[in-house]
Protein backbone atom coordinates (compact mmCIF):
# COMPACT_ATOMS: atom_id res chain seq x y z
CA MET A 1 12.72 -0.54 17.67
CA PRO A 2 12.27 -3.60 15.41
CA SER A 3 15.21 -5.94 15.18
CA CYS A 4 17.11 -6.67 11.99
CA THR A 5 15.24 -9.99 11.76
CA THR A 6 11.93 -8.17 12.00
CA ARG A 7 12.92 -5.68 9.32
CA SER A 8 14.02 -8.58 7.10
CA ALA A 9 10.68 -10.29 7.61
CA VAL A 10 8.80 -7.11 6.70
CA ALA A 11 10.98 -6.57 3.62
CA PHE A 12 10.41 -10.21 2.63
CA TRP A 13 6.68 -9.77 3.00
CA PHE A 14 6.57 -6.59 0.93
CA ALA A 15 8.68 -8.20 -1.76
CA ASP A 16 6.76 -11.47 -1.95
CA VAL A 17 3.19 -11.54 -0.70
CA VAL A 18 1.26 -8.46 -1.75
CA LEU A 19 -0.42 -9.95 -4.82
CA TRP A 20 -1.68 -13.07 -3.02
CA PHE A 21 -3.60 -11.14 -0.37
CA ALA A 22 -4.82 -8.42 -2.74
CA GLY A 23 -5.95 -10.91 -5.38
CA THR A 24 -7.71 -13.31 -3.05
CA ALA A 25 -9.52 -10.50 -1.22
CA VAL A 26 -10.74 -8.77 -4.39
CA VAL A 27 -11.92 -11.98 -6.07
CA ALA A 28 -13.56 -13.36 -2.92
CA ILE A 29 -15.51 -10.17 -2.21
CA TRP A 30 -16.57 -9.77 -5.85
CA LEU A 31 -17.76 -13.37 -6.09
CA VAL A 32 -19.69 -13.15 -2.80
CA LEU A 33 -21.12 -9.60 -2.86
CA ARG A 34 -21.02 -8.45 -6.49
CA ASP A 35 -21.42 -4.94 -5.14
CA PRO A 36 -20.16 -2.30 -7.60
CA SER A 37 -20.20 0.36 -4.86
CA PHE A 38 -17.82 -1.59 -2.61
CA ASP A 39 -14.49 0.20 -1.99
CA TYR A 40 -11.85 -2.28 -3.13
CA ARG A 41 -9.01 0.07 -2.17
CA PHE A 42 -9.84 -0.23 1.53
CA LEU A 43 -10.34 -3.97 1.12
CA ILE A 44 -6.81 -4.36 -0.23
CA VAL A 45 -5.34 -2.20 2.55
CA GLY A 46 -7.15 -4.35 5.13
CA ALA A 47 -5.90 -7.54 3.51
CA LEU A 48 -2.29 -6.30 3.78
CA LEU A 49 -2.53 -4.54 7.14
CA ALA A 50 -2.19 -7.53 9.49
CA ASP A 51 1.20 -8.60 8.19
CA LEU A 52 2.45 -5.04 8.02
CA VAL A 53 1.50 -4.18 11.61
CA ASP A 54 2.34 -7.54 13.17
CA GLY A 55 5.51 -7.80 11.08
CA LEU A 56 6.75 -4.52 12.51
CA ILE A 57 6.27 -5.82 16.05
CA GLY A 58 8.21 -8.97 15.25
CA GLY A 59 5.74 -11.80 14.76
CA PRO A 60 2.10 -12.81 14.72
CA GLY A 61 0.12 -10.56 17.01
CA VAL A 62 -3.30 -9.17 17.71
CA LEU A 63 -4.24 -8.66 14.04
CA HIS A 64 -3.71 -12.37 13.43
CA SER A 65 -6.43 -13.12 15.98
CA VAL A 66 -10.20 -13.18 15.60
CA ALA A 67 -10.55 -10.95 18.66
CA GLY A 68 -8.15 -8.36 17.26
CA CYS A 69 -10.01 -8.15 13.95
CA ALA A 70 -13.35 -8.03 15.78
CA ALA A 71 -12.05 -5.17 17.96
CA VAL A 72 -11.10 -3.21 14.83
CA LEU A 73 -14.62 -3.85 13.51
CA VAL A 74 -16.20 -2.55 16.74
CA VAL A 75 -14.03 0.58 16.65
CA ALA A 76 -14.87 1.12 12.97
CA MET A 77 -18.61 0.82 13.63
CA ALA A 78 -18.44 3.19 16.62
CA ALA A 79 -16.30 5.74 14.77
CA SER A 80 -18.57 5.82 11.74
CA GLN A 81 -22.00 6.25 13.34
CA GLY A 82 -24.11 8.49 11.15
CA ARG A 83 -21.42 8.69 8.45
CA ARG A 84 -22.47 6.20 5.81
CA GLN A 85 -19.57 6.60 3.35
CA LEU A 86 -16.96 6.35 6.09
CA ARG A 87 -18.71 3.25 7.43
CA ARG A 88 -18.66 1.58 4.00
CA SER A 89 -14.94 2.26 3.66
CA LEU A 90 -14.09 1.05 7.16
CA LEU A 91 -16.19 -2.08 6.69
CA ALA A 92 -14.22 -2.83 3.53
CA LEU A 93 -11.01 -2.50 5.58
CA CYS A 94 -12.41 -4.89 8.20
CA PHE A 95 -13.45 -7.40 5.52
CA GLY A 96 -9.85 -7.31 4.32
CA LEU A 97 -8.55 -8.00 7.83
CA PHE A 98 -10.81 -11.02 8.25
CA LEU A 99 -10.00 -12.33 4.77
CA HIS A 100 -6.32 -12.05 5.63
CA LEU A 101 -6.89 -14.53 8.46
CA VAL A 102 -8.45 -16.96 5.99
CA PHE A 103 -5.91 -16.64 3.17
CA ASP A 104 -2.92 -16.57 5.54
CA ALA A 105 -4.07 -19.80 7.22
CA ALA A 106 -3.79 -17.93 10.51
CA TRP A 107 -5.97 -20.55 12.23
CA ALA A 108 -3.02 -22.97 12.08
CA ASP A 109 -1.51 -21.13 15.07
CA THR A 110 -4.40 -21.61 17.49
CA GLU A 111 -2.65 -19.78 20.32
CA VAL A 112 -2.57 -16.57 18.29
CA PHE A 113 -5.78 -17.08 16.29
CA TRP A 114 -7.93 -17.58 19.41
CA TRP A 115 -6.10 -15.00 21.55
CA PRO A 116 -7.01 -14.02 24.30
CA ALA A 117 -9.19 -17.13 24.83
CA SER A 118 -6.05 -19.24 24.47
CA GLY A 119 -4.18 -17.17 27.08
CA VAL A 120 -3.10 -13.60 27.58
CA GLY A 121 0.31 -13.95 25.95
CA LEU A 122 0.83 -14.15 22.22
CA ALA A 123 3.02 -16.88 20.80
CA ASP A 124 6.58 -16.18 19.80
CA GLY A 125 7.22 -17.15 16.25
CA GLN A 126 7.17 -16.14 12.65
CA LEU A 127 4.37 -14.65 10.65
CA PRO A 128 2.69 -17.36 8.59
CA VAL A 129 3.90 -15.63 5.44
CA VAL A 130 7.51 -15.87 6.58
CA ALA A 131 7.14 -19.48 7.72
CA ARG A 132 5.83 -20.52 4.27
CA GLY A 133 9.11 -19.52 2.63
CA TRP A 134 9.37 -20.32 -1.06
CA TRP A 135 5.70 -21.40 -1.27
CA ASN A 136 4.95 -17.70 -1.36
CA LEU A 137 6.17 -17.63 -4.96
CA ALA A 138 3.34 -19.96 -6.02
CA LEU A 139 0.86 -17.92 -3.99
CA GLU A 140 2.07 -14.69 -5.60
CA LEU A 141 1.60 -16.19 -9.06
CA ALA A 142 -1.93 -17.25 -8.11
CA GLY A 143 -2.59 -13.77 -6.72
CA ALA A 144 -1.27 -12.16 -9.91
CA ALA A 145 -3.60 -14.37 -11.97
CA MET A 146 -6.55 -13.32 -9.80
CA LEU A 147 -5.67 -9.64 -10.20
CA VAL A 148 -5.40 -10.06 -13.98
CA TRP A 149 -8.85 -11.67 -13.92
CA ALA A 150 -10.21 -8.73 -11.86
CA TRP A 151 -8.52 -6.20 -14.17
CA ARG A 152 -10.27 -7.76 -17.15
CA ARG A 153 -13.59 -8.40 -15.36
CA PHE A 154 -13.78 -4.81 -14.12
CA GLY A 155 -12.68 -3.37 -17.49
CA LEU A 156 -9.80 -1.46 -15.92
CA ALA A 157 -7.96 -1.23 -19.24
CA GLU A 158 -10.45 1.54 -20.08
CA PRO A 159 -9.09 4.87 -18.77
CA VAL A 160 -12.49 6.09 -17.52
CA ARG A 161 -13.12 2.92 -15.47
CA ARG A 162 -9.57 2.91 -14.18
CA SER A 163 -9.83 6.57 -13.13
CA GLN A 164 -13.11 5.85 -11.33
CA PHE A 165 -11.52 2.90 -9.56
CA TRP A 166 -8.53 4.94 -8.34
CA ARG A 167 -10.80 7.80 -7.18
CA THR A 168 -13.56 5.78 -5.51
CA GLY A 169 -12.38 2.17 -5.25
CA GLN A 170 -15.56 1.17 -7.06
CA VAL A 171 -16.27 -0.69 -10.27
CA GLY A 172 -19.05 0.05 -12.77
CA PRO A 173 -22.62 -0.93 -11.88
CA ASP A 174 -22.98 -2.43 -15.37
CA LEU A 175 -20.68 -5.29 -14.29
CA VAL A 176 -23.28 -6.91 -12.06
CA ASP A 177 -24.86 -9.87 -13.83
């Protein structure tokens, strides 16, 4: 059972760092892929998943490592053979996991980031999001700005587009330049 400190860290994360990871993931993928059929819902879940899972176990763990994210990718590819739509969704989740490593600065803790190459044990310590403390407020504001940009760019003020986004995670094909 997670300790009180762990529960506090998870509550802190949910209260303070959802917009940063969601915003950076959505904007990064849109700017790189510009794929209107990409499922942004799974991307956002993937971008939030590492801190949720590792926060519940009490600190940075397997999902804050390259090997852990790569293992999830291998499982996703194996589980989705011959099922194209499932594969697209699971790949979006994996992209989110890898982007979390980037936007969480997970590489700063090399023992965890390069696990198991750095040793079989994972480091004791805080999640990067907890260690940043009040800096998360600035990151959340930046994430909110990115999500506002995406809201406008994807035309989500229009009910039809918004409904399509909630149903499919996709944006309109007319948005591609």
